[in-house]
Amino acid sequence: MARKAKPLPSLEWLAPRLKASRALTLASFLALATLLVMWNLAFADLHGARPWVIIGIQLLPLALLAPGLLLGNARAHAWACFVVNLYFIQGVTAAIDPARRLFGWLEALLGLTLFCAALLYTRWRFQHDRRLAGE
């Protein structure tokens, strides 16, 4: 027996939530990138490694997502949910080290915020598009 489809929310309900989740996604995305750059330039002990190489490696996944996130692409937001888990894991492991505890908690918190905001944006954007298509 097939389950009955749940009704989609109205466009008036979805519009402000789309704006808020997109703004929170972009803010946490930029804050995460800024945190990574600032930490590696000012505070990190890189043991002689070039800071720009480390920064480039850490920012590469975010740089690949940036065009889609800036354009508001729902699939890019969905991919951000997968990619940001790397930063969350890095933040949690850094939080164990007393010298990097603040950085670790900030990175984990920004990763969690980005994950939740991007997930909500993806859900509400697909519902919004289905509603606009007449469903």
N, C-alpha and C. Protein backbone atom coordinates (compact mmCIF):
# COMPACT_ATOMS: atom_id res chain seq x y z
N MET A 1 0.84 -1.17 0.00
CA MET A 1 0.00 0.00 0.00
C MET A 1 0.89 1.24 0.00
N ALA A 2 0.71 2.08 -0.98
CA ALA A 2 1.53 3.29 -1.11
C ALA A 2 1.15 4.32 -0.06
N ARG A 3 2.15 5.01 0.41
CA ARG A 3 1.89 6.07 1.38
C ARG A 3 1.38 7.30 0.66
N LYS A 4 0.54 8.02 1.34
CA LYS A 4 -0.03 9.24 0.79
C LYS A 4 1.03 10.35 0.85
N ALA A 5 1.16 11.09 -0.25
CA ALA A 5 2.16 12.16 -0.31
C ALA A 5 1.78 13.30 0.63
N LYS A 6 2.79 13.83 1.31
CA LYS A 6 2.55 14.96 2.19
C LYS A 6 2.40 16.22 1.34
N PRO A 7 1.53 17.12 1.74
CA PRO A 7 1.38 18.36 0.97
C PRO A 7 2.62 19.24 1.11
N LEU A 8 2.93 19.95 0.03
CA LEU A 8 4.08 20.86 0.05
C LEU A 8 3.71 22.15 0.76
N PRO A 9 4.67 22.78 1.44
CA PRO A 9 4.39 24.07 2.08
C PRO A 9 4.12 25.15 1.03
N SER A 10 3.49 26.21 1.45
CA SER A 10 3.18 27.30 0.52
C SER A 10 4.44 28.09 0.19
N LEU A 11 4.38 28.82 -0.91
CA LEU A 11 5.51 29.64 -1.33
C LEU A 11 5.79 30.75 -0.32
N GLU A 12 4.74 31.27 0.31
CA GLU A 12 4.92 32.33 1.30
C GLU A 12 5.67 31.80 2.53
N TRP A 13 5.48 30.54 2.86
CA TRP A 13 6.17 29.93 3.98
C TRP A 13 7.62 29.62 3.62
N LEU A 14 7.86 29.20 2.37
CA LEU A 14 9.19 28.78 1.95
C LEU A 14 10.14 29.96 1.68
N ALA A 15 9.64 31.06 1.14
CA ALA A 15 10.50 32.16 0.69
C ALA A 15 11.41 32.72 1.80
N PRO A 16 10.89 33.08 2.98
CA PRO A 16 11.81 33.61 4.00
C PRO A 16 12.78 32.57 4.52
N ARG A 17 12.37 31.33 4.55
CA ARG A 17 13.26 30.27 5.03
C ARG A 17 14.39 30.02 4.04
N LEU A 18 14.09 30.13 2.74
CA LEU A 18 15.13 30.01 1.73
C LEU A 18 16.17 31.11 1.89
N LYS A 19 15.70 32.34 2.07
CA LYS A 19 16.63 33.47 2.24
C LYS A 19 17.49 33.31 3.48
N ALA A 20 16.88 32.93 4.58
CA ALA A 20 17.62 32.79 5.84
C ALA A 20 18.64 31.65 5.78
N SER A 21 18.23 30.51 5.24
CA SER A 21 19.15 29.38 5.17
C SER A 21 20.29 29.66 4.20
N ARG A 22 20.00 30.35 3.11
CA ARG A 22 21.05 30.71 2.15
C ARG A 22 22.03 31.69 2.78
N ALA A 23 21.52 32.69 3.49
CA ALA A 23 22.39 33.67 4.15
C ALA A 23 23.27 32.99 5.21
N LEU A 24 22.69 32.08 5.99
CA LEU A 24 23.46 31.37 7.00
C LEU A 24 24.49 30.45 6.36
N THR A 25 24.15 29.83 5.25
CA THR A 25 25.09 28.98 4.54
C THR A 25 26.28 29.79 4.06
N LEU A 26 26.01 30.92 3.40
CA LEU A 26 27.10 31.74 2.87
C LEU A 26 27.94 32.33 4.00
N ALA A 27 27.31 32.75 5.08
CA ALA A 27 28.06 33.33 6.21
C ALA A 27 28.97 32.28 6.85
N SER A 28 28.46 31.09 7.08
CA SER A 28 29.29 30.06 7.70
C SER A 28 30.37 29.56 6.74
N PHE A 29 30.07 29.54 5.44
CA PHE A 29 31.05 29.16 4.42
C PHE A 29 32.22 30.14 4.42
N LEU A 30 31.91 31.43 4.39
CA LEU A 30 32.96 32.45 4.39
C LEU A 30 33.71 32.48 5.72
N ALA A 31 33.00 32.28 6.82
CA ALA A 31 33.65 32.26 8.13
C ALA A 31 34.60 31.06 8.25
N LEU A 32 34.22 29.92 7.71
CA LEU A 32 35.08 28.74 7.75
C LEU A 32 36.34 28.97 6.92
N ALA A 33 36.18 29.52 5.73
CA ALA A 33 37.35 29.81 4.89
C ALA A 33 38.27 30.83 5.56
N THR A 34 37.68 31.85 6.16
CA THR A 34 38.47 32.87 6.86
C THR A 34 39.20 32.27 8.05
N LEU A 35 38.53 31.43 8.80
CA LEU A 35 39.15 30.78 9.95
C LEU A 35 40.35 29.95 9.52
N LEU A 36 40.21 29.19 8.46
CA LEU A 36 41.32 28.36 7.98
C LEU A 36 42.51 29.21 7.57
N VAL A 37 42.25 30.29 6.84
CA VAL A 37 43.34 31.16 6.39
C VAL A 37 44.01 31.84 7.59
N MET A 38 43.21 32.42 8.47
CA MET A 38 43.78 33.14 9.61
C MET A 38 44.56 32.20 10.53
N TRP A 39 44.05 31.02 10.77
CA TRP A 39 44.74 30.09 11.66
C TRP A 39 46.09 29.69 11.08
N ASN A 40 46.10 29.36 9.79
CA ASN A 40 47.35 28.91 9.19
C ASN A 40 48.37 30.04 9.01
N LEU A 41 47.92 31.25 8.85
CA LEU A 41 48.85 32.37 8.71
C LEU A 41 49.38 32.87 10.05
N ALA A 42 48.54 32.89 11.06
CA ALA A 42 48.92 33.54 12.31
C ALA A 42 49.29 32.58 13.45
N PHE A 43 48.62 31.46 13.55
CA PHE A 43 48.76 30.65 14.77
C PHE A 43 49.33 29.25 14.57
N ALA A 44 49.16 28.66 13.43
CA ALA A 44 49.52 27.25 13.24
C ALA A 44 51.03 27.04 13.23
N ASP A 45 51.45 25.96 13.83
CA ASP A 45 52.85 25.54 13.77
C ASP A 45 52.95 24.55 12.62
N LEU A 46 53.46 25.01 11.49
CA LEU A 46 53.47 24.19 10.27
C LEU A 46 54.77 23.41 10.09
N HIS A 47 55.68 23.49 11.05
CA HIS A 47 56.93 22.74 11.03
C HIS A 47 57.72 22.97 9.74
N GLY A 48 57.81 24.22 9.31
CA GLY A 48 58.61 24.57 8.14
C GLY A 48 57.88 24.49 6.81
N ALA A 49 56.65 24.04 6.80
CA ALA A 49 55.90 23.98 5.54
C ALA A 49 55.48 25.38 5.12
N ARG A 50 55.30 25.57 3.85
CA ARG A 50 54.85 26.87 3.34
C ARG A 50 53.37 27.03 3.66
N PRO A 51 53.02 28.14 4.30
CA PRO A 51 51.62 28.33 4.70
C PRO A 51 50.65 28.35 3.52
N TRP A 52 51.09 28.90 2.38
CA TRP A 52 50.17 29.01 1.24
C TRP A 52 49.87 27.65 0.63
N VAL A 53 50.81 26.72 0.74
CA VAL A 53 50.54 25.36 0.25
C VAL A 53 49.49 24.69 1.13
N ILE A 54 49.65 24.82 2.44
CA ILE A 54 48.69 24.23 3.37
C ILE A 54 47.31 24.87 3.20
N ILE A 55 47.30 26.18 3.09
CA ILE A 55 46.02 26.89 2.89
C ILE A 55 45.37 26.46 1.58
N GLY A 56 46.16 26.34 0.53
CA GLY A 56 45.61 25.91 -0.76
C GLY A 56 45.00 24.53 -0.71
N ILE A 57 45.67 23.62 0.00
CA ILE A 57 45.14 22.26 0.12
C ILE A 57 43.85 22.25 0.94
N GLN A 58 43.83 23.03 2.02
CA GLN A 58 42.64 23.06 2.87
C GLN A 58 41.47 23.77 2.20
N LEU A 59 41.73 24.76 1.37
CA LEU A 59 40.65 25.53 0.75
C LEU A 59 40.19 24.96 -0.59
N LEU A 60 40.91 23.99 -1.14
CA LEU A 60 40.53 23.45 -2.45
C LEU A 60 39.10 22.90 -2.48
N PRO A 61 38.68 22.07 -1.53
CA PRO A 61 37.29 21.59 -1.58
C PRO A 61 36.27 22.73 -1.48
N LEU A 62 36.56 23.74 -0.66
CA LEU A 62 35.64 24.88 -0.55
C LEU A 62 35.64 25.69 -1.83
N ALA A 63 36.79 25.82 -2.46
CA ALA A 63 36.88 26.59 -3.71
C ALA A 63 36.08 25.91 -4.83
N LEU A 64 36.05 24.59 -4.83
CA LEU A 64 35.27 23.88 -5.85
C LEU A 64 33.77 24.09 -5.66
N LEU A 65 33.36 24.27 -4.42
CA LEU A 65 31.93 24.47 -4.13
C LEU A 65 31.50 25.92 -4.26
N ALA A 66 32.43 26.85 -4.16
CA ALA A 66 32.10 28.27 -4.09
C ALA A 66 31.22 28.78 -5.23
N PRO A 67 31.51 28.47 -6.50
CA PRO A 67 30.65 29.02 -7.56
C PRO A 67 29.18 28.59 -7.43
N GLY A 68 28.95 27.34 -7.13
CA GLY A 68 27.58 26.84 -6.99
C GLY A 68 26.87 27.43 -5.78
N LEU A 69 27.60 27.58 -4.68
CA LEU A 69 26.99 28.16 -3.48
C LEU A 69 26.65 29.63 -3.70
N LEU A 70 27.54 30.35 -4.35
CA LEU A 70 27.30 31.78 -4.60
C LEU A 70 26.13 32.00 -5.56
N LEU A 71 25.93 31.06 -6.48
CA LEU A 71 24.81 31.17 -7.41
C LEU A 71 23.50 30.64 -6.85
N GLY A 72 23.54 29.97 -5.71
CA GLY A 72 22.34 29.44 -5.09
C GLY A 72 21.89 28.10 -5.65
N ASN A 73 22.81 27.35 -6.22
CA ASN A 73 22.50 26.05 -6.79
C ASN A 73 22.21 25.05 -5.66
N ALA A 74 21.06 24.41 -5.72
CA ALA A 74 20.66 23.48 -4.65
C ALA A 74 21.57 22.25 -4.62
N ARG A 75 22.02 21.80 -5.77
CA ARG A 75 22.90 20.63 -5.78
C ARG A 75 24.26 20.94 -5.19
N ALA A 76 24.74 22.14 -5.39
CA ALA A 76 26.01 22.55 -4.76
C ALA A 76 25.86 22.58 -3.24
N HIS A 77 24.70 23.02 -2.77
CA HIS A 77 24.45 23.01 -1.33
C HIS A 77 24.40 21.57 -0.81
N ALA A 78 23.83 20.68 -1.59
CA ALA A 78 23.80 19.27 -1.18
C ALA A 78 25.22 18.69 -1.13
N TRP A 79 26.04 19.03 -2.11
CA TRP A 79 27.43 18.56 -2.10
C TRP A 79 28.20 19.17 -0.95
N ALA A 80 27.87 20.40 -0.58
CA ALA A 80 28.53 21.04 0.56
C ALA A 80 28.29 20.24 1.85
N CYS A 81 27.12 19.62 1.94
CA CYS A 81 26.83 18.79 3.13
C CYS A 81 27.79 17.61 3.23
N PHE A 82 28.21 17.08 2.09
CA PHE A 82 29.18 15.97 2.11
C PHE A 82 30.58 16.48 2.42
N VAL A 83 30.98 17.55 1.75
CA VAL A 83 32.35 18.04 1.85
C VAL A 83 32.64 18.62 3.22
N VAL A 84 31.68 19.30 3.81
CA VAL A 84 31.93 19.98 5.08
C VAL A 84 32.19 19.00 6.21
N ASN A 85 31.84 17.75 6.02
CA ASN A 85 32.14 16.74 7.05
C ASN A 85 33.64 16.58 7.28
N LEU A 86 34.44 16.82 6.22
CA LEU A 86 35.90 16.77 6.39
C LEU A 86 36.37 17.82 7.38
N TYR A 87 35.80 19.01 7.29
CA TYR A 87 36.19 20.10 8.18
C TYR A 87 35.67 19.86 9.60
N PHE A 88 34.51 19.26 9.70
CA PHE A 88 33.98 18.93 11.02
C PHE A 88 34.88 17.91 11.71
N ILE A 89 35.30 16.89 10.97
CA ILE A 89 36.19 15.87 11.53
C ILE A 89 37.53 16.48 11.93
N GLN A 90 38.06 17.34 11.07
CA GLN A 90 39.32 18.00 11.39
C GLN A 90 39.17 18.87 12.64
N GLY A 91 38.05 19.54 12.77
CA GLY A 91 37.81 20.38 13.93
C GLY A 91 37.71 19.58 15.22
N VAL A 92 37.02 18.46 15.16
CA VAL A 92 36.88 17.63 16.36
C VAL A 92 38.22 17.05 16.78
N THR A 93 39.02 16.60 15.81
CA THR A 93 40.34 16.06 16.17
C THR A 93 41.27 17.16 16.66
N ALA A 94 41.14 18.37 16.13
CA ALA A 94 41.97 19.49 16.62
C ALA A 94 41.55 19.91 18.02
N ALA A 95 40.29 19.76 18.34
CA ALA A 95 39.79 20.17 19.67
C ALA A 95 40.37 19.30 20.79
N ILE A 96 40.87 18.14 20.45
CA ILE A 96 41.47 17.26 21.46
C ILE A 96 42.81 17.81 21.93
N ASP A 97 43.54 18.47 21.03
CA ASP A 97 44.85 19.04 21.35
C ASP A 97 44.67 20.35 22.12
N PRO A 98 45.23 20.47 23.31
CA PRO A 98 45.04 21.71 24.08
C PRO A 98 45.53 22.97 23.37
N ALA A 99 46.56 22.85 22.55
CA ALA A 99 47.09 24.01 21.85
C ALA A 99 46.16 24.48 20.73
N ARG A 100 45.32 23.61 20.22
CA ARG A 100 44.43 23.96 19.10
C ARG A 100 42.96 23.84 19.48
N ARG A 101 42.67 23.82 20.76
CA ARG A 101 41.29 23.59 21.22
C ARG A 101 40.31 24.62 20.68
N LEU A 102 40.63 25.91 20.78
CA LEU A 102 39.73 26.96 20.31
C LEU A 102 39.50 26.85 18.81
N PHE A 103 40.57 26.66 18.05
CA PHE A 103 40.45 26.49 16.60
C PHE A 103 39.57 25.28 16.28
N GLY A 104 39.79 24.18 16.98
CA GLY A 104 39.03 22.96 16.71
C GLY A 104 37.55 23.14 16.96
N TRP A 105 37.20 23.74 18.09
CA TRP A 105 35.78 23.95 18.39
C TRP A 105 35.14 24.93 17.41
N LEU A 106 35.86 25.98 17.04
CA LEU A 106 35.30 26.93 16.06
C LEU A 106 35.09 26.26 14.70
N GLU A 107 36.07 25.47 14.28
CA GLU A 107 35.94 24.79 12.99
C GLU A 107 34.79 23.77 13.01
N ALA A 108 34.67 23.02 14.09
CA ALA A 108 33.58 22.05 14.20
C ALA A 108 32.22 22.75 14.24
N LEU A 109 32.14 23.86 14.97
CA LEU A 109 30.88 24.60 15.05
C LEU A 109 30.50 25.21 13.70
N LEU A 110 31.47 25.79 13.01
CA LEU A 110 31.18 26.35 11.68
C LEU A 110 30.82 25.24 10.68
N GLY A 111 31.47 24.10 10.79
CA GLY A 111 31.14 22.97 9.92
C GLY A 111 29.73 22.46 10.17
N LEU A 112 29.36 22.37 11.43
CA LEU A 112 28.00 21.93 11.77
C LEU A 112 26.96 22.94 11.31
N THR A 113 27.24 24.21 11.49
CA THR A 113 26.32 25.26 11.04
C THR A 113 26.15 25.23 9.53
N LEU A 114 27.27 25.10 8.82
CA LEU A 114 27.20 25.03 7.36
C LEU A 114 26.43 23.80 6.90
N PHE A 115 26.66 22.68 7.55
CA PHE A 115 25.95 21.45 7.19
C PHE A 115 24.44 21.62 7.35
N CYS A 116 24.01 22.10 8.51
CA CYS A 116 22.57 22.24 8.78
C CYS A 116 21.92 23.27 7.85
N ALA A 117 22.58 24.40 7.65
CA ALA A 117 22.01 25.45 6.81
C ALA A 117 21.93 25.00 5.35
N ALA A 118 22.96 24.34 4.86
CA ALA A 118 22.95 23.86 3.48
C ALA A 118 21.91 22.75 3.29
N LEU A 119 21.76 21.90 4.28
CA LEU A 119 20.76 20.84 4.21
C LEU A 119 19.35 21.41 4.15
N LEU A 120 19.07 22.39 5.00
CA LEU A 120 17.74 23.01 4.99
C LEU A 120 17.50 23.77 3.69
N TYR A 121 18.52 24.47 3.20
CA TYR A 121 18.36 25.19 1.93
C TYR A 121 18.04 24.21 0.81
N THR A 122 18.73 23.09 0.76
CA THR A 122 18.50 22.09 -0.29
C THR A 122 17.07 21.57 -0.23
N ARG A 123 16.62 21.22 0.95
CA ARG A 123 15.26 20.68 1.10
C ARG A 123 14.22 21.71 0.69
N TRP A 124 14.35 22.91 1.22
CA TRP A 124 13.35 23.94 0.94
C TRP A 124 13.42 24.42 -0.51
N ARG A 125 14.59 24.41 -1.11
CA ARG A 125 14.71 24.83 -2.51
C ARG A 125 14.02 23.83 -3.44
N PHE A 126 14.20 22.54 -3.19
CA PHE A 126 13.53 21.54 -4.01
C PHE A 126 12.01 21.59 -3.80
N GLN A 127 11.57 21.83 -2.58
CA GLN A 127 10.14 21.99 -2.34
C GLN A 127 9.61 23.24 -3.06
N HIS A 128 10.37 24.31 -3.01
CA HIS A 128 9.98 25.57 -3.68
C HIS A 128 9.88 25.34 -5.19
N ASP A 129 10.86 24.65 -5.77
CA ASP A 129 10.85 24.39 -7.21
C ASP A 129 9.70 23.48 -7.60
N ARG A 130 9.40 22.48 -6.76
CA ARG A 130 8.25 21.61 -7.05
C ARG A 130 6.94 22.38 -6.98
N ARG A 131 6.84 23.29 -6.03
CA ARG A 131 5.64 24.10 -5.88
C ARG A 131 5.47 25.02 -7.10
N LEU A 132 6.58 25.62 -7.58
CA LEU A 132 6.52 26.48 -8.75
C LEU A 132 6.16 25.71 -10.02
N ALA A 133 6.52 24.43 -10.05
CA ALA A 133 6.20 23.60 -11.21
C ALA A 133 4.74 23.16 -11.22
N GLY A 134 4.00 23.51 -10.17
CA GLY A 134 2.58 23.21 -10.15
C GLY A 134 2.21 21.97 -9.37
N GLU A 135 3.12 21.40 -8.66
CA GLU A 135 2.82 20.20 -7.90
C GLU A 135 2.04 20.53 -6.64
